[in-house]
mmCIF file of all heavy atoms, coordinates in Angstrom:
data_MODEL
# 
_entry.id   MODEL 
# 
loop_
_atom_site.group_PDB 
_atom_site.id 
_atom_site.type_symbol 
_atom_site.label_atom_id 
_atom_site.label_alt_id 
_atom_site.label_comp_id 
_atom_site.label_asym_id 
_atom_site.label_entity_id 
_atom_site.label_seq_id 
_atom_site.pdbx_PDB_ins_code 
_atom_site.Cartn_x 
_atom_site.Cartn_y 
_atom_site.Cartn_z 
_atom_site.occupancy 
_atom_site.B_iso_or_equiv 
_atom_site.pdbx_formal_charge 
_atom_site.auth_seq_id 
_atom_site.auth_comp_id 
_atom_site.auth_asym_id 
_atom_site.auth_atom_id 
_atom_site.pdbx_PDB_model_num 
ATOM 1   N N   . ASP A 1 1  ? -5.389  -70.929 26.749 1.00 0.00 ? 1  ASP A N   1 
ATOM 2   C CA  . ASP A 1 1  ? -6.667  -71.439 27.248 1.00 0.00 ? 1  ASP A CA  1 
ATOM 3   C C   . ASP A 1 1  ? -7.437  -70.365 28.005 1.00 0.00 ? 1  ASP A C   1 
ATOM 4   O O   . ASP A 1 1  ? -8.674  -70.370 28.017 1.00 0.00 ? 1  ASP A O   1 
ATOM 5   C CB  . ASP A 1 1  ? -6.434  -72.644 28.166 1.00 0.00 ? 1  ASP A CB  1 
ATOM 6   C CG  . ASP A 1 1  ? -5.958  -73.870 27.389 1.00 0.00 ? 1  ASP A CG  1 
ATOM 7   O OD1 . ASP A 1 1  ? -6.206  -73.929 26.171 1.00 0.00 ? 1  ASP A OD1 1 
ATOM 8   O OD2 . ASP A 1 1  ? -5.344  -74.768 28.010 1.00 0.00 ? 1  ASP A OD2 1 
ATOM 9   N N   . ASP A 1 2  ? -6.715  -69.440 28.653 1.00 0.00 ? 2  ASP A N   1 
ATOM 10  C CA  . ASP A 1 2  ? -7.373  -68.400 29.444 1.00 0.00 ? 2  ASP A CA  1 
ATOM 11  C C   . ASP A 1 2  ? -7.545  -67.110 28.647 1.00 0.00 ? 2  ASP A C   1 
ATOM 12  O O   . ASP A 1 2  ? -7.848  -66.058 29.213 1.00 0.00 ? 2  ASP A O   1 
ATOM 13  C CB  . ASP A 1 2  ? -6.584  -68.115 30.727 1.00 0.00 ? 2  ASP A CB  1 
ATOM 14  C CG  . ASP A 1 2  ? -5.154  -67.641 30.442 1.00 0.00 ? 2  ASP A CG  1 
ATOM 15  O OD1 . ASP A 1 2  ? -4.723  -67.680 29.262 1.00 0.00 ? 2  ASP A OD1 1 
ATOM 16  O OD2 . ASP A 1 2  ? -4.472  -67.221 31.398 1.00 0.00 ? 2  ASP A OD2 1 
ATOM 17  N N   . GLY A 1 3  ? -7.355  -67.175 27.331 1.00 0.00 ? 3  GLY A N   1 
ATOM 18  C CA  . GLY A 1 3  ? -7.473  -65.987 26.496 1.00 0.00 ? 3  GLY A CA  1 
ATOM 19  C C   . GLY A 1 3  ? -8.915  -65.675 26.127 1.00 0.00 ? 3  GLY A C   1 
ATOM 20  O O   . GLY A 1 3  ? -9.858  -66.351 26.560 1.00 0.00 ? 3  GLY A O   1 
ATOM 21  N N   . LYS A 1 4  ? -9.077  -64.639 25.291 1.00 0.00 ? 4  LYS A N   1 
ATOM 22  C CA  . LYS A 1 4  ? -10.402 -64.221 24.838 1.00 0.00 ? 4  LYS A CA  1 
ATOM 23  C C   . LYS A 1 4  ? -10.796 -64.987 23.579 1.00 0.00 ? 4  LYS A C   1 
ATOM 24  O O   . LYS A 1 4  ? -9.958  -65.298 22.738 1.00 0.00 ? 4  LYS A O   1 
ATOM 25  C CB  . LYS A 1 4  ? -10.410 -62.720 24.560 1.00 0.00 ? 4  LYS A CB  1 
ATOM 26  C CG  . LYS A 1 4  ? -10.206 -61.856 25.794 1.00 0.00 ? 4  LYS A CG  1 
ATOM 27  C CD  . LYS A 1 4  ? -10.257 -60.385 25.440 1.00 0.00 ? 4  LYS A CD  1 
ATOM 28  C CE  . LYS A 1 4  ? -10.088 -59.512 26.670 1.00 0.00 ? 4  LYS A CE  1 
ATOM 29  N NZ  . LYS A 1 4  ? -10.120 -58.065 26.322 1.00 0.00 ? 4  LYS A NZ  1 
ATOM 30  N N   . HIS A 1 5  ? -12.092 -65.269 23.467 1.00 0.00 ? 5  HIS A N   1 
ATOM 31  C CA  . HIS A 1 5  ? -12.641 -65.990 22.322 1.00 0.00 ? 5  HIS A CA  1 
ATOM 32  C C   . HIS A 1 5  ? -12.222 -65.313 21.019 1.00 0.00 ? 5  HIS A C   1 
ATOM 33  O O   . HIS A 1 5  ? -12.345 -64.098 20.863 1.00 0.00 ? 5  HIS A O   1 
ATOM 34  C CB  . HIS A 1 5  ? -14.165 -66.014 22.446 1.00 0.00 ? 5  HIS A CB  1 
ATOM 35  C CG  . HIS A 1 5  ? -14.864 -66.674 21.299 1.00 0.00 ? 5  HIS A CG  1 
ATOM 36  N ND1 . HIS A 1 5  ? -14.645 -68.001 20.945 1.00 0.00 ? 5  HIS A ND1 1 
ATOM 37  C CD2 . HIS A 1 5  ? -15.783 -66.201 20.410 1.00 0.00 ? 5  HIS A CD2 1 
ATOM 38  C CE1 . HIS A 1 5  ? -15.403 -68.308 19.914 1.00 0.00 ? 5  HIS A CE1 1 
ATOM 39  N NE2 . HIS A 1 5  ? -16.098 -67.236 19.560 1.00 0.00 ? 5  HIS A NE2 1 
ATOM 40  N N   . ALA A 1 6  ? -11.705 -66.089 20.066 1.00 0.00 ? 6  ALA A N   1 
ATOM 41  C CA  . ALA A 1 6  ? -11.249 -65.535 18.793 1.00 0.00 ? 6  ALA A CA  1 
ATOM 42  C C   . ALA A 1 6  ? -11.493 -66.544 17.670 1.00 0.00 ? 6  ALA A C   1 
ATOM 43  O O   . ALA A 1 6  ? -11.127 -67.710 17.793 1.00 0.00 ? 6  ALA A O   1 
ATOM 44  C CB  . ALA A 1 6  ? -9.766  -65.184 18.869 1.00 0.00 ? 6  ALA A CB  1 
ATOM 45  N N   . VAL A 1 7  ? -12.116 -66.069 16.578 1.00 0.00 ? 7  VAL A N   1 
ATOM 46  C CA  . VAL A 1 7  ? -12.442 -66.943 15.451 1.00 0.00 ? 7  VAL A CA  1 
ATOM 47  C C   . VAL A 1 7  ? -11.997 -66.287 14.148 1.00 0.00 ? 7  VAL A C   1 
ATOM 48  O O   . VAL A 1 7  ? -12.350 -65.140 13.858 1.00 0.00 ? 7  VAL A O   1 
ATOM 49  C CB  . VAL A 1 7  ? -13.951 -67.244 15.379 1.00 0.00 ? 7  VAL A CB  1 
ATOM 50  C CG1 . VAL A 1 7  ? -14.254 -68.143 14.180 1.00 0.00 ? 7  VAL A CG1 1 
ATOM 51  C CG2 . VAL A 1 7  ? -14.428 -67.897 16.674 1.00 0.00 ? 7  VAL A CG2 1 
ATOM 52  N N   . THR A 1 8  ? -11.215 -67.028 13.361 1.00 0.00 ? 8  THR A N   1 
ATOM 53  C CA  . THR A 1 8  ? -10.687 -66.551 12.086 1.00 0.00 ? 8  THR A CA  1 
ATOM 54  C C   . THR A 1 8  ? -11.037 -67.545 10.986 1.00 0.00 ? 8  THR A C   1 
ATOM 55  O O   . THR A 1 8  ? -10.778 -68.741 11.124 1.00 0.00 ? 8  THR A O   1 
ATOM 56  C CB  . THR A 1 8  ? -9.147  -66.412 12.145 1.00 0.00 ? 8  THR A CB  1 
ATOM 57  O OG1 . THR A 1 8  ? -8.797  -65.498 13.191 1.00 0.00 ? 8  THR A OG1 1 
ATOM 58  C CG2 . THR A 1 8  ? -8.590  -65.915 10.827 1.00 0.00 ? 8  THR A CG2 1 
ATOM 59  N N   . HIS A 1 9  ? -11.647 -67.067 9.895  1.00 0.00 ? 9  HIS A N   1 
ATOM 60  C CA  . HIS A 1 9  ? -11.960 -67.908 8.735  1.00 0.00 ? 9  HIS A CA  1 
ATOM 61  C C   . HIS A 1 9  ? -10.981 -67.566 7.611  1.00 0.00 ? 9  HIS A C   1 
ATOM 62  O O   . HIS A 1 9  ? -10.715 -66.387 7.357  1.00 0.00 ? 9  HIS A O   1 
ATOM 63  C CB  . HIS A 1 9  ? -13.390 -67.657 8.249  1.00 0.00 ? 9  HIS A CB  1 
ATOM 64  C CG  . HIS A 1 9  ? -14.429 -67.796 9.320  1.00 0.00 ? 9  HIS A CG  1 
ATOM 65  N ND1 . HIS A 1 9  ? -14.846 -69.018 9.791  1.00 0.00 ? 9  HIS A ND1 1 
ATOM 66  C CD2 . HIS A 1 9  ? -15.122 -66.856 10.018 1.00 0.00 ? 9  HIS A CD2 1 
ATOM 67  C CE1 . HIS A 1 9  ? -15.762 -68.833 10.731 1.00 0.00 ? 9  HIS A CE1 1 
ATOM 68  N NE2 . HIS A 1 9  ? -15.948 -67.533 10.888 1.00 0.00 ? 9  HIS A NE2 1 
ATOM 69  N N   . TYR A 1 10 ? -10.448 -68.582 6.943  1.00 0.00 ? 10 TYR A N   1 
ATOM 70  C CA  . TYR A 1 10 ? -9.490  -68.316 5.870  1.00 0.00 ? 10 TYR A CA  1 
ATOM 71  C C   . TYR A 1 10 ? -9.795  -69.176 4.645  1.00 0.00 ? 10 TYR A C   1 
ATOM 72  O O   . TYR A 1 10 ? -10.377 -70.251 4.737  1.00 0.00 ? 10 TYR A O   1 
ATOM 73  C CB  . TYR A 1 10 ? -8.057  -68.574 6.339  1.00 0.00 ? 10 TYR A CB  1 
ATOM 74  C CG  . TYR A 1 10 ? -7.721  -70.044 6.540  1.00 0.00 ? 10 TYR A CG  1 
ATOM 75  C CD1 . TYR A 1 10 ? -7.209  -70.818 5.497  1.00 0.00 ? 10 TYR A CD1 1 
ATOM 76  C CD2 . TYR A 1 10 ? -7.934  -70.660 7.767  1.00 0.00 ? 10 TYR A CD2 1 
ATOM 77  C CE1 . TYR A 1 10 ? -6.916  -72.167 5.670  1.00 0.00 ? 10 TYR A CE1 1 
ATOM 78  C CE2 . TYR A 1 10 ? -7.647  -72.002 7.962  1.00 0.00 ? 10 TYR A CE2 1 
ATOM 79  C CZ  . TYR A 1 10 ? -7.142  -72.743 6.901  1.00 0.00 ? 10 TYR A CZ  1 
ATOM 80  O OH  . TYR A 1 10 ? -6.860  -74.085 7.072  1.00 0.00 ? 10 TYR A OH  1 
ATOM 81  N N   . GLN A 1 11 ? -9.385  -68.674 3.490  1.00 0.00 ? 11 GLN A N   1 
ATOM 82  C CA  . GLN A 1 11 ? -9.538  -69.392 2.231  1.00 0.00 ? 11 GLN A CA  1 
ATOM 83  C C   . GLN A 1 11 ? -8.315  -69.097 1.368  1.00 0.00 ? 11 GLN A C   1 
ATOM 84  O O   . GLN A 1 11 ? -7.905  -67.940 1.232  1.00 0.00 ? 11 GLN A O   1 
ATOM 85  C CB  . GLN A 1 11 ? -10.812 -68.947 1.506  1.00 0.00 ? 11 GLN A CB  1 
ATOM 86  C CG  . GLN A 1 11 ? -11.012 -69.617 0.153  1.00 0.00 ? 11 GLN A CG  1 
ATOM 87  C CD  . GLN A 1 11 ? -12.293 -69.158 -0.524 1.00 0.00 ? 11 GLN A CD  1 
ATOM 88  O OE1 . GLN A 1 11 ? -13.044 -68.354 0.020  1.00 0.00 ? 11 GLN A OE1 1 
ATOM 89  N NE2 . GLN A 1 11 ? -12.538 -69.657 -1.719 1.00 0.00 ? 11 GLN A NE2 1 
ATOM 90  N N   . THR A 1 12 ? -7.726  -70.129 0.783  1.00 0.00 ? 12 THR A N   1 
ATOM 91  C CA  . THR A 1 12 ? -6.551  -69.936 -0.067 1.00 0.00 ? 12 THR A CA  1 
ATOM 92  C C   . THR A 1 12 ? -6.964  -69.392 -1.427 1.00 0.00 ? 12 THR A C   1 
ATOM 93  O O   . THR A 1 12 ? -7.802  -69.975 -2.116 1.00 0.00 ? 12 THR A O   1 
ATOM 94  C CB  . THR A 1 12 ? -5.788  -71.260 -0.251 1.00 0.00 ? 12 THR A CB  1 
ATOM 95  O OG1 . THR A 1 12 ? -5.364  -71.739 1.037  1.00 0.00 ? 12 THR A OG1 1 
ATOM 96  C CG2 . THR A 1 12 ? -4.569  -71.061 -1.140 1.00 0.00 ? 12 THR A CG2 1 
ATOM 97  N N   . LEU A 1 13 ? -6.374  -68.258 -1.803 1.00 0.00 ? 13 LEU A N   1 
ATOM 98  C CA  . LEU A 1 13 ? -6.610  -67.657 -3.112 1.00 0.00 ? 13 LEU A CA  1 
ATOM 99  C C   . LEU A 1 13 ? -5.568  -68.095 -4.124 1.00 0.00 ? 13 LEU A C   1 
ATOM 100 O O   . LEU A 1 13 ? -5.874  -68.353 -5.288 1.00 0.00 ? 13 LEU A O   1 
ATOM 101 C CB  . LEU A 1 13 ? -6.601  -66.125 -3.008 1.00 0.00 ? 13 LEU A CB  1 
ATOM 102 C CG  . LEU A 1 13 ? -7.658  -65.475 -2.118 1.00 0.00 ? 13 LEU A CG  1 
ATOM 103 C CD1 . LEU A 1 13 ? -7.448  -63.967 -2.101 1.00 0.00 ? 13 LEU A CD1 1 
ATOM 104 C CD2 . LEU A 1 13 ? -9.056  -65.827 -2.609 1.00 0.00 ? 13 LEU A CD2 1 
ATOM 105 N N   . GLU A 1 14 ? -4.302  -68.152 -3.681 1.00 0.00 ? 14 GLU A N   1 
ATOM 106 C CA  . GLU A 1 14 ? -3.194  -68.546 -4.551 1.00 0.00 ? 14 GLU A CA  1 
ATOM 107 C C   . GLU A 1 14 ? -2.221  -69.398 -3.748 1.00 0.00 ? 14 GLU A C   1 
ATOM 108 O O   . GLU A 1 14 ? -1.921  -69.082 -2.600 1.00 0.00 ? 14 GLU A O   1 
ATOM 109 C CB  . GLU A 1 14 ? -2.436  -67.319 -5.082 1.00 0.00 ? 14 GLU A CB  1 
ATOM 110 C CG  . GLU A 1 14 ? -3.268  -66.330 -5.866 1.00 0.00 ? 14 GLU A CG  1 
ATOM 111 C CD  . GLU A 1 14 ? -2.458  -65.101 -6.291 1.00 0.00 ? 14 GLU A CD  1 
ATOM 112 O OE1 . GLU A 1 14 ? -1.209  -65.174 -6.266 1.00 0.00 ? 14 GLU A OE1 1 
ATOM 113 O OE2 . GLU A 1 14 ? -3.075  -64.074 -6.635 1.00 0.00 ? 14 GLU A OE2 1 
ATOM 114 N N   . ALA A 1 15 ? -1.733  -70.467 -4.352 1.00 0.00 ? 15 ALA A N   1 
ATOM 115 C CA  . ALA A 1 15 ? -0.727  -71.319 -3.708 1.00 0.00 ? 15 ALA A CA  1 
ATOM 116 C C   . ALA A 1 15 ? 0.522   -71.311 -4.577 1.00 0.00 ? 15 ALA A C   1 
ATOM 117 O O   . ALA A 1 15 ? 0.474   -71.679 -5.755 1.00 0.00 ? 15 ALA A O   1 
ATOM 118 C CB  . ALA A 1 15 ? -1.241  -72.738 -3.529 1.00 0.00 ? 15 ALA A CB  1 
ATOM 119 N N   . HIS A 1 16 ? 1.636   -70.865 -4.006 1.00 0.00 ? 16 HIS A N   1 
ATOM 120 C CA  . HIS A 1 16 ? 2.898   -70.800 -4.736 1.00 0.00 ? 16 HIS A CA  1 
ATOM 121 C C   . HIS A 1 16 ? 3.927   -71.708 -4.077 1.00 0.00 ? 16 HIS A C   1 
ATOM 122 O O   . HIS A 1 16 ? 3.612   -72.394 -3.105 1.00 0.00 ? 16 HIS A O   1 
ATOM 123 C CB  . HIS A 1 16 ? 3.378   -69.347 -4.803 1.00 0.00 ? 16 HIS A CB  1 
ATOM 124 C CG  . HIS A 1 16 ? 2.405   -68.440 -5.480 1.00 0.00 ? 16 HIS A CG  1 
ATOM 125 N ND1 . HIS A 1 16 ? 2.225   -68.438 -6.846 1.00 0.00 ? 16 HIS A ND1 1 
ATOM 126 C CD2 . HIS A 1 16 ? 1.515   -67.541 -4.972 1.00 0.00 ? 16 HIS A CD2 1 
ATOM 127 C CE1 . HIS A 1 16 ? 1.287   -67.565 -7.165 1.00 0.00 ? 16 HIS A CE1 1 
ATOM 128 N NE2 . HIS A 1 16 ? 0.832   -66.999 -6.042 1.00 0.00 ? 16 HIS A NE2 1 
ATOM 129 N N   . ARG A 1 17 ? 5.124   -71.682 -4.578 1.00 0.00 ? 17 ARG A N   1 
ATOM 130 C CA  . ARG A 1 17 ? 6.113   -72.673 -4.156 1.00 0.00 ? 17 ARG A CA  1 
ATOM 131 C C   . ARG A 1 17 ? 6.363   -72.642 -2.650 1.00 0.00 ? 17 ARG A C   1 
ATOM 132 O O   . ARG A 1 17 ? 6.396   -73.686 -1.992 1.00 0.00 ? 17 ARG A O   1 
ATOM 133 C CB  . ARG A 1 17 ? 7.436   -72.449 -4.896 1.00 0.00 ? 17 ARG A CB  1 
ATOM 134 C CG  . ARG A 1 17 ? 8.436   -73.578 -4.668 1.00 0.00 ? 17 ARG A CG  1 
ATOM 135 C CD  . ARG A 1 17 ? 9.623   -73.451 -5.581 1.00 0.00 ? 17 ARG A CD  1 
ATOM 136 N NE  . ARG A 1 17 ? 10.435  -72.292 -5.272 1.00 0.00 ? 17 ARG A NE  1 
ATOM 137 C CZ  . ARG A 1 17 ? 11.572  -71.984 -5.916 1.00 0.00 ? 17 ARG A CZ  1 
ATOM 138 N NH1 . ARG A 1 17 ? 11.971  -72.743 -6.916 1.00 0.00 ? 17 ARG A NH1 1 
ATOM 139 N NH2 . ARG A 1 17 ? 12.259  -70.926 -5.583 1.00 0.00 ? 17 ARG A NH2 1 
ATOM 140 N N   . TYR A 1 18 ? 6.521   -71.458 -2.080 1.00 0.00 ? 18 TYR A N   1 
ATOM 141 C CA  . TYR A 1 18 ? 6.840   -71.416 -0.655 1.00 0.00 ? 18 TYR A CA  1 
ATOM 142 C C   . TYR A 1 18 ? 5.926   -70.474 0.137  1.00 0.00 ? 18 TYR A C   1 
ATOM 143 O O   . TYR A 1 18 ? 6.201   -70.160 1.289  1.00 0.00 ? 18 TYR A O   1 
ATOM 144 C CB  . TYR A 1 18 ? 8.302   -71.007 -0.435 1.00 0.00 ? 18 TYR A CB  1 
ATOM 145 C CG  . TYR A 1 18 ? 8.750   -69.799 -1.233 1.00 0.00 ? 18 TYR A CG  1 
ATOM 146 C CD1 . TYR A 1 18 ? 8.471   -68.509 -0.806 1.00 0.00 ? 18 TYR A CD1 1 
ATOM 147 C CD2 . TYR A 1 18 ? 9.477   -69.962 -2.414 1.00 0.00 ? 18 TYR A CD2 1 
ATOM 148 C CE1 . TYR A 1 18 ? 8.884   -67.416 -1.524 1.00 0.00 ? 18 TYR A CE1 1 
ATOM 149 C CE2 . TYR A 1 18 ? 9.895   -68.866 -3.142 1.00 0.00 ? 18 TYR A CE2 1 
ATOM 150 C CZ  . TYR A 1 18 ? 9.605   -67.592 -2.691 1.00 0.00 ? 18 TYR A CZ  1 
ATOM 151 O OH  . TYR A 1 18 ? 10.020  -66.495 -3.414 1.00 0.00 ? 18 TYR A OH  1 
ATOM 152 N N   . ALA A 1 19 ? 4.839   -70.025 -0.472 1.00 0.00 ? 19 ALA A N   1 
ATOM 153 C CA  . ALA A 1 19 ? 3.915   -69.165 0.253  1.00 0.00 ? 19 ALA A CA  1 
ATOM 154 C C   . ALA A 1 19 ? 2.535   -69.213 -0.386 1.00 0.00 ? 19 ALA A C   1 
ATOM 155 O O   . ALA A 1 19 ? 2.390   -69.581 -1.559 1.00 0.00 ? 19 ALA A O   1 
ATOM 156 C CB  . ALA A 1 19 ? 4.426   -67.724 0.285  1.00 0.00 ? 19 ALA A CB  1 
ATOM 157 N N   . SER A 1 20 ? 1.521   -68.847 0.374  1.00 0.00 ? 20 SER A N   1 
ATOM 158 C CA  . SER A 1 20 ? 0.140   -68.848 -0.100 1.00 0.00 ? 20 SER A CA  1 
ATOM 159 C C   . SER A 1 20 ? -0.520  -67.513 0.226  1.00 0.00 ? 20 SER A C   1 
ATOM 160 O O   . SER A 1 20 ? -0.305  -66.945 1.305  1.00 0.00 ? 20 SER A O   1 
ATOM 161 C CB  . SER A 1 20 ? -0.665  -69.963 0.567  1.00 0.00 ? 20 SER A CB  1 
ATOM 162 O OG  . SER A 1 20 ? -0.104  -71.237 0.305  1.00 0.00 ? 20 SER A OG  1 
ATOM 163 N N   . LEU A 1 21 ? -1.329  -67.031 -0.716 1.00 0.00 ? 21 LEU A N   1 
ATOM 164 C CA  . LEU A 1 21 ? -2.114  -65.822 -0.491 1.00 0.00 ? 21 LEU A CA  1 
ATOM 165 C C   . LEU A 1 21 ? -3.492  -66.240 0.010  1.00 0.00 ? 21 LEU A C   1 
ATOM 166 O O   . LEU A 1 21 ? -4.199  -66.997 -0.665 1.00 0.00 ? 21 LEU A O   1 
ATOM 167 C CB  . LEU A 1 21 ? -2.244  -65.002 -1.771 1.00 0.00 ? 21 LEU A CB  1 
ATOM 168 C CG  . LEU A 1 21 ? -3.048  -63.701 -1.650 1.00 0.00 ? 21 LEU A CG  1 
ATOM 169 C CD1 . LEU A 1 21 ? -2.323  -62.713 -0.736 1.00 0.00 ? 21 LEU A CD1 1 
ATOM 170 C CD2 . LEU A 1 21 ? -3.277  -63.082 -3.032 1.00 0.00 ? 21 LEU A CD2 1 
ATOM 171 N N   . LEU A 1 22 ? -3.866  -65.761 1.195  1.00 0.00 ? 22 LEU A N   1 
ATOM 172 C CA  . LEU A 1 22 ? -5.138  -66.124 1.803  1.00 0.00 ? 22 LEU A CA  1 
ATOM 173 C C   . LEU A 1 22 ? -6.086  -64.938 1.854  1.00 0.00 ? 22 LEU A C   1 
ATOM 174 O O   . LEU A 1 22 ? -5.655  -63.795 1.994  1.00 0.00 ? 22 LEU A O   1 
ATOM 175 C CB  . LEU A 1 22 ? -4.931  -66.624 3.239  1.00 0.00 ? 22 LEU A CB  1 
ATOM 176 C CG  . LEU A 1 22 ? -3.921  -67.729 3.503  1.00 0.00 ? 22 LEU A CG  1 
ATOM 177 C CD1 . LEU A 1 22 ? -3.964  -68.105 4.990  1.00 0.00 ? 22 LEU A CD1 1 
ATOM 178 C CD2 . LEU A 1 22 ? -4.180  -68.939 2.621  1.00 0.00 ? 22 LEU A CD2 1 
ATOM 179 N N   . GLU A 1 23 ? -7.388  -65.240 1.753  1.00 0.00 ? 23 GLU A N   1 
ATOM 180 C CA  . GLU A 1 23 ? -8.407  -64.251 2.087  1.00 0.00 ? 23 GLU A CA  1 
ATOM 181 C C   . GLU A 1 23 ? -8.936  -64.637 3.447  1.00 0.00 ? 23 GLU A C   1 
ATOM 182 O O   . GLU A 1 23 ? -9.310  -65.802 3.671  1.00 0.00 ? 23 GLU A O   1 
ATOM 183 C CB  . GLU A 1 23 ? -9.530  -64.232 1.055  1.00 0.00 ? 23 GLU A CB  1 
ATOM 184 C CG  . GLU A 1 23 ? -10.602 -63.201 1.383  1.00 0.00 ? 23 GLU A CG  1 
ATOM 185 C CD  . GLU A 1 23 ? -11.463 -62.838 0.187  1.00 0.00 ? 23 GLU A CD  1 
ATOM 186 O OE1 . GLU A 1 23 ? -10.939 -62.157 -0.730 1.00 0.00 ? 23 GLU A OE1 1 
ATOM 187 O OE2 . GLU A 1 23 ? -12.638 -63.249 0.170  1.00 0.00 ? 23 GLU A OE2 1 
ATOM 188 N N   . ILE A 1 24 ? -8.970  -63.664 4.351  1.00 0.00 ? 24 ILE A N   1 
ATOM 189 C CA  . ILE A 1 24 ? -9.308  -63.944 5.740  1.00 0.00 ? 24 ILE A CA  1 
ATOM 190 C C   . ILE A 1 24 ? -10.462 -63.064 6.190  1.00 0.00 ? 24 ILE A C   1 
ATOM 191 O O   . ILE A 1 24 ? -10.472 -61.854 5.940  1.00 0.00 ? 24 ILE A O   1 
ATOM 192 C CB  . ILE A 1 24 ? -8.083  -63.713 6.650  1.00 0.00 ? 24 ILE A CB  1 
ATOM 193 C CG1 . ILE A 1 24 ? -6.989  -64.738 6.313  1.00 0.00 ? 24 ILE A CG1 1 
ATOM 194 C CG2 . ILE A 1 24 ? -8.469  -63.793 8.113  1.00 0.00 ? 24 ILE A CG2 1 
ATOM 195 C CD1 . ILE A 1 24 ? -5.701  -64.534 7.051  1.00 0.00 ? 24 ILE A CD1 1 
ATOM 196 N N   . ASN A 1 25 ? -11.430 -63.679 6.835  1.00 0.00 ? 25 ASN A N   1 
ATOM 197 C CA  . ASN A 1 25 ? -12.562 -62.949 7.414  1.00 0.00 ? 25 ASN A CA  1 
ATOM 198 C C   . ASN A 1 25 ? -12.542 -63.137 8.923  1.00 0.00 ? 25 ASN A C   1 
ATOM 199 O O   . ASN A 1 25 ? -12.455 -64.264 9.411  1.00 0.00 ? 25 ASN A O   1 
ATOM 200 C CB  . ASN A 1 25 ? -13.885 -63.448 6.847  1.00 0.00 ? 25 ASN A CB  1 
ATOM 201 C CG  . ASN A 1 25 ? -14.038 -63.124 5.377  1.00 0.00 ? 25 ASN A CG  1 
ATOM 202 O OD1 . ASN A 1 25 ? -13.749 -63.953 4.520  1.00 0.00 ? 25 ASN A OD1 1 
ATOM 203 N ND2 . ASN A 1 25 ? -14.482 -61.919 5.064  1.00 0.00 ? 25 ASN A ND2 1 
ATOM 204 N N   . LEU A 1 26 ? -12.611 -62.032 9.634  1.00 0.00 ? 26 LEU A N   1 
ATOM 205 C CA  . LEU A 1 26 ? -12.579 -62.085 11.087 1.00 0.00 ? 26 LEU A CA  1 
ATOM 206 C C   . LEU A 1 26 ? -13.981 -62.090 11.662 1.00 0.00 ? 26 LEU A C   1 
ATOM 207 O O   . LEU A 1 26 ? -14.795 -61.227 11.337 1.00 0.00 ? 26 LEU A O   1 
ATOM 208 C CB  . LEU A 1 26 ? -11.813 -60.877 11.643 1.00 0.00 ? 26 LEU A CB  1 
ATOM 209 C CG  . LEU A 1 26 ? -10.318 -60.823 11.363 1.00 0.00 ? 26 LEU A CG  1 
ATOM 210 C CD1 . LEU A 1 26 ? -9.705  -59.613 12.050 1.00 0.00 ? 26 LEU A CD1 1 
ATOM 211 C CD2 . LEU A 1 26 ? -9.628  -62.093 11.837 1.00 0.00 ? 26 LEU A CD2 1 
ATOM 212 N N   . GLU A 1 27 ? -14.226 -63.060 12.519 1.00 0.00 ? 27 GLU A N   1 
ATOM 213 C CA  . GLU A 1 27 ? -15.497 -63.101 13.242 1.00 0.00 ? 27 GLU A CA  1 
ATOM 214 C C   . GLU A 1 27 ? -15.386 -62.283 14.516 1.00 0.00 ? 27 GLU A C   1 
ATOM 215 O O   . GLU A 1 27 ? -16.357 -61.693 14.987 1.00 0.00 ? 27 GLU A O   1 
ATOM 216 C CB  . GLU A 1 27 ? -15.861 -64.551 13.555 1.00 0.00 ? 27 GLU A CB  1 
ATOM 217 C CG  . GLU A 1 27 ? -17.268 -64.731 14.078 1.00 0.00 ? 27 GLU A CG  1 
ATOM 218 C CD  . GLU A 1 27 ? -17.653 -66.190 14.144 1.00 0.00 ? 27 GLU A CD  1 
ATOM 219 O OE1 . GLU A 1 27 ? -17.424 -66.931 13.154 1.00 0.00 ? 27 GLU A OE1 1 
ATOM 220 O OE2 . GLU A 1 27 ? -18.189 -66.607 15.193 1.00 0.00 ? 27 GLU A OE2 1 
# 
């Protein structure tokens, strides 16, 4: 709660049996 403002946007590119590949954009 006392940390610095942080925003992360993510989108799933591939979904596999036990893991997913994400594309992530940092704000």
